[in-house]
C-alpha atoms as a PDB file:
ATOM      1  CA  MET A   1      19.105   3.897   7.597  1.00  0.00           C
ATOM      2  CA  ASP A   2      22.182   5.012   5.688  1.00  0.00           C
ATOM      3  CA  LEU A   3      20.342   7.627   3.654  1.00  0.00           C
ATOM      4  CA  PHE A   4      19.074   9.097   6.838  1.00  0.00           C
ATOM      5  CA  SER A   5      22.582   9.296   8.298  1.00  0.00           C
ATOM      6  CA  GLU A   6      24.209  10.603   5.109  1.00  0.00           C
ATOM      7  CA  SER A   7      21.396  13.117   4.626  1.00  0.00           C
ATOM      8  CA  TRP A   8      21.461  14.401   8.363  1.00  0.00           C
ATOM      9  CA  THR A   9      25.268  14.642   8.490  1.00  0.00           C
ATOM     10  CA  THR A  10      25.663  16.635   5.202  1.00  0.00           C
ATOM     11  CA  LEU A  11      22.807  18.918   6.423  1.00  0.00           C
ATOM     12  CA  ARG A  12      24.549  19.654   9.678  1.00  0.00           C
ATOM     13  CA  THR A  13      27.908  19.966   8.059  1.00  0.00           C
ATOM     14  CA  THR A  14      26.514  22.625   5.753  1.00  0.00           C
ATOM     15  CA  VAL A  15      25.095  24.504   8.877  1.00  0.00           C
ATOM     16  CA  ALA A  16      28.265  24.278  10.716  1.00  0.00           C
ATOM     17  CA  GLU A  17      30.127  25.909   7.881  1.00  0.00           C
ATOM     18  CA  LEU A  18      27.812  28.738   7.100  1.00  0.00           C
ATOM     19  CA  PRO A  19      29.336  32.203   7.874  1.00  0.00           C
ATOM     20  CA  ASP A  20      27.460  34.147  10.506  1.00  0.00           C
ATOM     21  CA  GLU A  21      25.948  36.584   8.113  1.00  0.00           C
ATOM     22  CA  ASP A  22      24.226  33.871   6.232  1.00  0.00           C
ATOM     23  CA  PHE A  23      21.920  33.294   9.256  1.00  0.00           C
ATOM     24  CA  ALA A  24      20.304  36.539   8.678  1.00  0.00           C
ATOM     25  CA  ARG A  25      19.317  35.656   4.865  1.00  0.00           C
ATOM     26  CA  PRO A  26      15.993  34.298   3.809  1.00  0.00           C
ATOM     27  CA  SER A  27      15.356  30.502   3.666  1.00  0.00           C
ATOM     28  CA  GLY A  28      13.238  28.510   1.188  1.00  0.00           C
ATOM     29  CA  CYS A  29      10.639  28.536   3.832  1.00  0.00           C
ATOM     30  CA  THR A  30       8.078  31.213   3.678  1.00  0.00           C
ATOM     31  CA  GLY A  31       8.501  33.712   6.552  1.00  0.00           C
ATOM     32  CA  TRP A  32      11.816  32.104   7.962  1.00  0.00           C
ATOM     33  CA  LEU A  33      15.276  33.419   7.772  1.00  0.00           C
ATOM     34  CA  VAL A  34      18.087  30.754   7.743  1.00  0.00           C
ATOM     35  CA  ARG A  35      18.449  31.072  11.576  1.00  0.00           C
ATOM     36  CA  ASP A  36      14.793  30.163  11.949  1.00  0.00           C
ATOM     37  CA  LEU A  37      15.251  27.170   9.600  1.00  0.00           C
ATOM     38  CA  VAL A  38      18.138  25.920  11.866  1.00  0.00           C
ATOM     39  CA  CYS A  39      16.096  26.407  14.863  1.00  0.00           C
ATOM     40  CA  HIS A  40      13.518  24.320  13.422  1.00  0.00           C
ATOM     41  CA  LEU A  41      16.257  21.610  12.596  1.00  0.00           C
ATOM     42  CA  ILE A  42      17.115  21.565  16.477  1.00  0.00           C
ATOM     43  CA  VAL A  43      13.435  20.882  17.189  1.00  0.00           C
ATOM     44  CA  ASP A  44      13.281  18.227  14.592  1.00  0.00           C
ATOM     45  CA  ALA A  45      16.406  16.635  16.218  1.00  0.00           C
ATOM     46  CA  GLN A  46      14.587  16.543  19.527  1.00  0.00           C
ATOM     47  CA  ASP A  47      11.814  14.943  17.931  1.00  0.00           C
ATOM     48  CA  VAL A  48      13.805  12.084  16.412  1.00  0.00           C
ATOM     49  CA  LEU A  49      15.302  11.559  19.783  1.00  0.00           C
ATOM     50  CA  ILE A  50      11.888  11.482  21.626  1.00  0.00           C
ATOM     51  CA  THR A  51      10.337   9.249  19.067  1.00  0.00           C
ATOM     52  CA  LEU A  52      13.084   6.472  19.237  1.00  0.00           C
ATOM     53  CA  VAL A  53      12.570   6.307  23.006  1.00  0.00           C
ATOM     54  CA  THR A  54       8.802   5.858  22.535  1.00  0.00           C
ATOM     55  CA  PRO A  55       8.585   2.268  21.741  1.00  0.00           C
ATOM     56  CA  THR A  56       4.930   0.592  21.180  1.00  0.00           C
ATOM     57  CA  GLU A  57       3.773  -2.837  20.616  1.00  0.00           C
ATOM     58  CA  ALA A  58       0.828  -1.367  18.629  1.00  0.00           C
ATOM     59  CA  GLU A  59       0.591  -2.336  14.652  1.00  0.00           C
ATOM     60  CA  PRO A  60       1.878   0.189  12.330  1.00  0.00           C
ATOM     61  CA  THR A  61      -0.624   2.795  11.118  1.00  0.00           C
ATOM     62  CA  ARG A  62       1.575   4.717   8.675  1.00  0.00           C
ATOM     63  CA  ASP A  63       4.665   4.013   6.589  1.00  0.00           C
ATOM     64  CA  ALA A  64       7.549   6.285   5.388  1.00  0.00           C
ATOM     65  CA  VAL A  65       5.210   7.911   2.629  1.00  0.00           C
ATOM     66  CA  THR A  66       2.048   8.084   4.328  1.00  0.00           C
ATOM     67  CA  TYR A  67       3.625   9.569   7.424  1.00  0.00           C
ATOM     68  CA  TRP A  68       3.184  12.794   5.501  1.00  0.00           C
ATOM     69  CA  GLU A  69      -0.015  14.744   5.664  1.00  0.00           C
ATOM     70  CA  VAL A  70      -0.682  16.579   2.217  1.00  0.00           C
ATOM     71  CA  THR A  71      -2.453  19.740   1.581  1.00  0.00           C
ATOM     72  CA  ASP A  72      -2.513  22.163  -1.434  1.00  0.00           C
ATOM     73  CA  THR A  73      -2.164  25.258   0.801  1.00  0.00           C
ATOM     74  CA  PRO A  74       1.324  26.819   0.938  1.00  0.00           C
ATOM     75  CA  PRO A  75       2.357  28.007   4.288  1.00  0.00           C
ATOM     76  CA  THR A  76       2.238  31.597   5.130  1.00  0.00           C
ATOM     77  CA  GLY A  77       4.580  31.704   8.112  1.00  0.00           C
ATOM     78  CA  ASP A  78       1.566  32.809  10.242  1.00  0.00           C
ATOM     79  CA  ASP A  79       1.052  29.567  12.058  1.00  0.00           C
ATOM     80  CA  PRO A  80       1.498  29.747  15.724  1.00  0.00           C
ATOM     81  CA  LEU A  81       4.219  27.112  15.776  1.00  0.00           C
ATOM     82  CA  ASP A  82       6.067  28.866  12.918  1.00  0.00           C
ATOM     83  CA  ALA A  83       5.829  32.052  14.791  1.00  0.00           C
ATOM     84  CA  LEU A  84       7.257  30.288  17.926  1.00  0.00           C
ATOM     85  CA  ILE A  85      10.430  29.009  16.014  1.00  0.00           C
ATOM     86  CA  VAL A  86      11.099  32.546  14.998  1.00  0.00           C
ATOM     87  CA  ARG A  87      11.010  33.724  18.677  1.00  0.00           C
ATOM     88  CA  LEU A  88      13.123  30.939  19.850  1.00  0.00           C
ATOM     89  CA  ALA A  89      15.601  31.527  16.892  1.00  0.00           C
ATOM     90  CA  ALA A  90      15.902  35.219  17.943  1.00  0.00           C
ATOM     91  CA  ALA A  91      16.684  34.152  21.510  1.00  0.00           C
ATOM     92  CA  TYR A  92      19.765  32.440  20.509  1.00  0.00           C
ATOM     93  CA  GLU A  93      21.243  35.829  19.346  1.00  0.00           C
ATOM     94  CA  GLN A  94      24.592  34.483  18.257  1.00  0.00           C
ATOM     95  CA  PRO A  95      24.936  31.792  15.304  1.00  0.00           C
ATOM     96  CA  ARG A  96      27.503  30.083  17.180  1.00  0.00           C
ATOM     97  CA  LEU A  97      25.259  29.070  19.938  1.00  0.00           C
ATOM     98  CA  MET A  98      22.806  27.767  17.568  1.00  0.00           C
ATOM     99  CA  LYS A  99      25.531  25.565  15.703  1.00  0.00           C
ATOM    100  CA  PHE A 100      26.554  24.471  19.068  1.00  0.00           C
ATOM    101  CA  HIS A 101      22.851  23.366  19.963  1.00  0.00           C
ATOM    102  CA  LEU A 102      22.295  21.831  16.568  1.00  0.00           C
ATOM    103  CA  ASP A 103      25.750  19.898  16.605  1.00  0.00           C
ATOM    104  CA  ASP A 104      25.057  18.550  20.414  1.00  0.00           C
ATOM    105  CA  VAL A 105      21.443  17.643  19.777  1.00  0.00           C
ATOM    106  CA  GLY A 106      21.752  16.661  16.201  1.00  0.00           C
ATOM    107  CA  SER A 107      24.615  14.310  16.870  1.00  0.00           C
ATOM    108  CA  ALA A 108      22.757  12.507  19.470  1.00  0.00           C
ATOM    109  CA  ALA A 109      19.811  12.170  17.211  1.00  0.00           C
ATOM    110  CA  GLY A 110      22.148  10.766  14.454  1.00  0.00           C
ATOM    111  CA  ARG A 111      23.538   8.179  17.037  1.00  0.00           C
ATOM    112  CA  ALA A 112      20.217   7.055  18.324  1.00  0.00           C
ATOM    113  CA  ALA A 113      19.007   6.561  14.622  1.00  0.00           C
ATOM    114  CA  GLU A 114      22.139   4.344  13.966  1.00  0.00           C
ATOM    115  CA  LEU A 115      21.379   2.272  16.994  1.00  0.00           C
ATOM    116  CA  ALA A 116      17.859   1.844  16.355  1.00  0.00           C
ATOM    117  CA  ASP A 117      16.373  -1.517  15.179  1.00  0.00           C
ATOM    118  CA  PRO A 118      14.493  -0.649  12.117  1.00  0.00           C
ATOM    119  CA  ALA A 119      11.666  -3.268  12.924  1.00  0.00           C
ATOM    120  CA  MET A 120      11.054  -1.610  16.222  1.00  0.00           C
ATOM    121  CA  ARG A 121       7.657   0.122  16.431  1.00  0.00           C
ATOM    122  CA  VAL A 122       7.452   3.877  17.354  1.00  0.00           C
ATOM    123  CA  ARG A 123       4.632   6.215  18.235  1.00  0.00           C
ATOM    124  CA  THR A 124       4.691   9.863  16.991  1.00  0.00           C
ATOM    125  CA  ARG A 125       2.057  12.568  16.061  1.00  0.00           C
ATOM    126  CA  GLY A 126      -0.667   9.934  17.235  1.00  0.00           C
ATOM    127  CA  GLN A 127       0.501   7.384  14.624  1.00  0.00           C
ATOM    128  CA  VAL A 128       2.491   4.009  14.794  1.00  0.00           C
ATOM    129  CA  LEU A 129       5.553   3.256  12.402  1.00  0.00           C
ATOM    130  CA  THR A 130       8.634   0.981  12.538  1.00  0.00           C
ATOM    131  CA  ALA A 131      11.690   3.110  13.117  1.00  0.00           C
ATOM    132  CA  GLY A 132      12.853   2.238   9.790  1.00  0.00           C
ATOM    133  CA  ASP A 133      10.112   3.966   7.994  1.00  0.00           C
ATOM    134  CA  TYR A 134       9.927   6.754  10.491  1.00  0.00           C
ATOM    135  CA  LEU A 135      13.761   7.453   9.649  1.00  0.00           C
ATOM    136  CA  ALA A 136      13.126   6.895   6.014  1.00  0.00           C
ATOM    137  CA  ALA A 137      10.453   9.611   6.074  1.00  0.00           C
ATOM    138  CA  TYR A 138      12.948  11.920   7.520  1.00  0.00           C
ATOM    139  CA  VAL A 139      15.218  11.556   4.420  1.00  0.00           C
ATOM    140  CA  LEU A 140      12.597  13.710   2.828  1.00  0.00           C
ATOM    141  CA  GLU A 141      12.402  16.248   5.559  1.00  0.00           C
ATOM    142  CA  TRP A 142      16.161  16.755   5.736  1.00  0.00           C
ATOM    143  CA  THR A 143      16.576  16.910   1.861  1.00  0.00           C
ATOM    144  CA  LEU A 144      13.903  19.501   1.612  1.00  0.00           C
ATOM    145  CA  HIS A 145      15.307  21.547   4.221  1.00  0.00           C
ATOM    146  CA  HIS A 146      18.762  21.331   2.962  1.00  0.00           C
ATOM    147  CA  LEU A 147      17.310  22.834  -0.214  1.00  0.00           C
ATOM    148  CA  ASP A 148      15.585  25.513   1.791  1.00  0.00           C
ATOM    149  CA  LEU A 149      18.869  26.336   3.711  1.00  0.00           C
ATOM    150  CA  ILE A 150      20.926  27.063   0.524  1.00  0.00           C
ATOM    151  CA  ALA A 151      17.972  28.710  -1.591  1.00  0.00           C
ATOM    152  CA  HIS A 152      19.137  32.150  -0.945  1.00  0.00           C
ATOM    153  CA  LEU A 153      22.791  31.784  -0.197  1.00  0.00           C
ATOM    154  CA  PRO A 154      24.785  33.391  -2.870  1.00  0.00           C
ATOM    155  CA  ASP A 155      28.137  31.623  -1.967  1.00  0.00           C
ATOM    156  CA  ALA A 156      26.616  28.149  -1.250  1.00  0.00           C
ATOM    157  CA  ALA A 157      28.689  26.596  -3.974  1.00  0.00           C
ATOM    158  CA  ASP A 158      31.783  27.699  -2.254  1.00  0.00           C
ATOM    159  CA  LEU A 159      31.336  26.331   0.993  1.00  0.00           C
ATOM    160  CA  PRO A 160      34.030  24.094   2.001  1.00  0.00           C
ATOM    161  CA  GLY A 161      31.710  21.028   2.649  1.00  0.00           C
ATOM    162  CA  ALA A 162      29.227  19.477   0.486  1.00  0.00           C
ATOM    163  CA  ALA A 163      26.714  22.322   0.155  1.00  0.00           C
ATOM    164  CA  GLN A 164      24.196  20.166  -1.841  1.00  0.00           C
ATOM    165  CA  PRO A 165      21.925  17.341  -0.512  1.00  0.00           C
ATOM    166  CA  PRO A 166      23.564  13.855  -1.085  1.00  0.00           C
ATOM    167  CA  ALA A 167      22.524  12.589  -4.340  1.00  0.00           C
ATOM    168  CA  GLY A 168      21.067   9.391  -2.960  1.00  0.00           C
ATOM    169  CA  GLY A 169      18.697  11.516  -0.714  1.00  0.00           C
ATOM    170  CA  LEU A 170      17.459  13.516  -3.613  1.00  0.00           C
ATOM    171  CA  ALA A 171      16.697  10.474  -5.598  1.00  0.00           C
ATOM    172  CA  ARG A 172      14.798   8.745  -2.769  1.00  0.00           C
ATOM    173  CA  SER A 173      12.958  12.028  -1.702  1.00  0.00           C
ATOM    174  CA  ARG A 174      11.880  12.187  -5.496  1.00  0.00           C
ATOM    175  CA  GLU A 175      10.641   8.793  -5.307  1.00  0.00           C
ATOM    176  CA  MET A 176       8.622   9.470  -2.096  1.00  0.00           C
ATOM    177  CA  LEU A 177       7.251  12.634  -3.593  1.00  0.00           C
ATOM    178  CA  GLU A 178       6.108  10.804  -6.756  1.00  0.00           C
ATOM    179  CA  THR A 179       4.532   8.156  -4.570  1.00  0.00           C
ATOM    180  CA  ILE A 180       2.692  10.777  -2.710  1.00  0.00           C
ATOM    181  CA  ALA A 181       1.639  12.281  -5.897  1.00  0.00           C
ATOM    182  CA  GLY A 182       0.701   9.102  -7.596  1.00  0.00           C
ATOM    183  CA  ALA A 183       2.485  10.087 -10.879  1.00  0.00           C
ATOM    184  CA  ALA A 184       6.292  10.482 -11.852  1.00  0.00           C
ATOM    185  CA  PHE A 185       7.747  13.747 -12.725  1.00  0.00           C
ATOM    186  CA  PRO A 186       8.996  14.223 -16.187  1.00  0.00           C
ATOM    187  CA  ALA A 187      12.425  12.542 -16.819  1.00  0.00           C
ATOM    188  CA  SER A 188      13.643  15.954 -18.055  1.00  0.00           C
ATOM    189  CA  PHE A 189      13.397  17.300 -14.419  1.00  0.00           C
ATOM    190  CA  SER A 190      16.364  16.926 -12.210  1.00  0.00           C
ATOM    191  CA  ASP A 191      15.722  15.548  -8.590  1.00  0.00           C
ATOM    192  CA  THR A 192      16.073  19.083  -7.217  1.00  0.00           C
ATOM    193  CA  ASP A 193      13.550  20.458  -9.729  1.00  0.00           C
ATOM    194  CA  ALA A 194      10.940  17.795  -9.168  1.00  0.00           C
ATOM    195  CA  LEU A 195      11.204  18.413  -5.285  1.00  0.00           C
ATOM    196  CA  LEU A 196      11.113  22.134  -5.465  1.00  0.00           C
ATOM    197  CA  ILE A 197       8.367  22.507  -7.943  1.00  0.00           C
ATOM    198  CA  GLY A 198       6.549  19.479  -6.501  1.00  0.00           C
ATOM    199  CA  THR A 199       6.312  21.032  -3.108  1.00  0.00           C
ATOM    200  CA  GLY A 200       5.571  24.603  -4.265  1.00  0.00           C
ATOM    201  CA  ARG A 201       8.906  25.960  -3.387  1.00  0.00           C
ATOM    202  CA  ARG A 202       9.521  27.049  -7.094  1.00  0.00           C
ATOM    203  CA  ALA A 203       7.084  27.859  -9.842  1.00  0.00           C
ATOM    204  CA  PRO A 204       7.508  25.826 -13.082  1.00  0.00           C
ATOM    205  CA  THR A 205       8.408  27.546 -15.994  1.00  0.00           C
ATOM    206  CA  GLY A 206       5.966  27.576 -18.947  1.00  0.00           C
ATOM    207  CA  ALA A 207       7.754  24.556 -20.683  1.00  0.00           C
ATOM    208  CA  GLN A 208       8.005  22.675 -17.427  1.00  0.00           C
ATOM    209  CA  ARG A 209       4.223  23.253 -16.857  1.00  0.00           C
ATOM    210  CA  ALA A 210       3.463  21.864 -20.251  1.00  0.00           C
ATOM    211  CA  GLU A 211       5.751  18.657 -19.572  1.00  0.00           C
ATOM    212  CA  LEU A 212       3.937  18.244 -16.147  1.00  0.00           C
ATOM    213  CA  GLY A 213       0.630  17.765 -18.000  1.00  0.00           C
ATOM    214  CA  GLY A 214      -2.217  16.668 -15.882  1.00  0.00           C
ATOM    215  CA  LEU A 215       0.407  16.341 -12.727  1.00  0.00           C
ATOM    216  CA  ALA A 216       0.565  20.086 -12.804  1.00  0.00           C
ATOM    217  CA  ALA A 217      -3.296  20.148 -11.394  1.00  0.00           C
ATOM    218  CA  LYS A 218      -2.032  18.221  -8.246  1.00  0.00           C
ATOM    219  CA  LEU A 219       0.740  20.726  -7.439  1.00  0.00           C
ATOM    220  CA  PRO A 220       1.764  21.955  -4.984  1.00  0.00           C
ATOM    221  CA  LEU A 221       2.053  19.173  -2.486  1.00  0.00           C
ATOM    222  CA  VAL A 222       2.421  20.920   0.871  1.00  0.00           C
ATOM    223  CA  LEU A 223       3.827  18.281   3.270  1.00  0.00           C
ATOM    224  CA  GLY A 224       3.293  18.513   7.139  1.00  0.00           C
END
């Protein structure tokens, strides 16, 4: 629960501190600008709120790791839902409006997460998880999208807040991705390298591919 709150707060703070011109830059998500990614985060925050007020007595069918549907086909940006996000983002017109909406809905999602009973069962995407597992799954979501947010920002290191995802979120996200992969990434890989290469956001160098060994054949792990 603490990792969820830390990762989400840091991500929202980074968005709040972005100069307006950065919203028109590419993000690390294929086909999306930074503004499109921020719009997706608003939708994610709404999903968190909806899920946390959708309790059920049914037995859990997924946990924080099996929550993720995994394919080996990277997104193209042509999916109808992805295209809808682009249109929604364009409707905001001004970055300050998007920042306000993310702060408003995102803060509410953060408070709801802090108040949630980790043992409560919730329903989402046709599956049942404990609230604790659901929020743990979102640590991976926030961490990957934080890396997406700053992927092409030339001045990310100069932002007044913490531009990088929290170390705890990076480490936990790597652990979850390794569980999904059924193998550990090389110890020489930083957590960021493991996440970017593991999910296909960055191609491994020749040396990194050699270190990956048999794991290279399983990559990328495209999460949805």
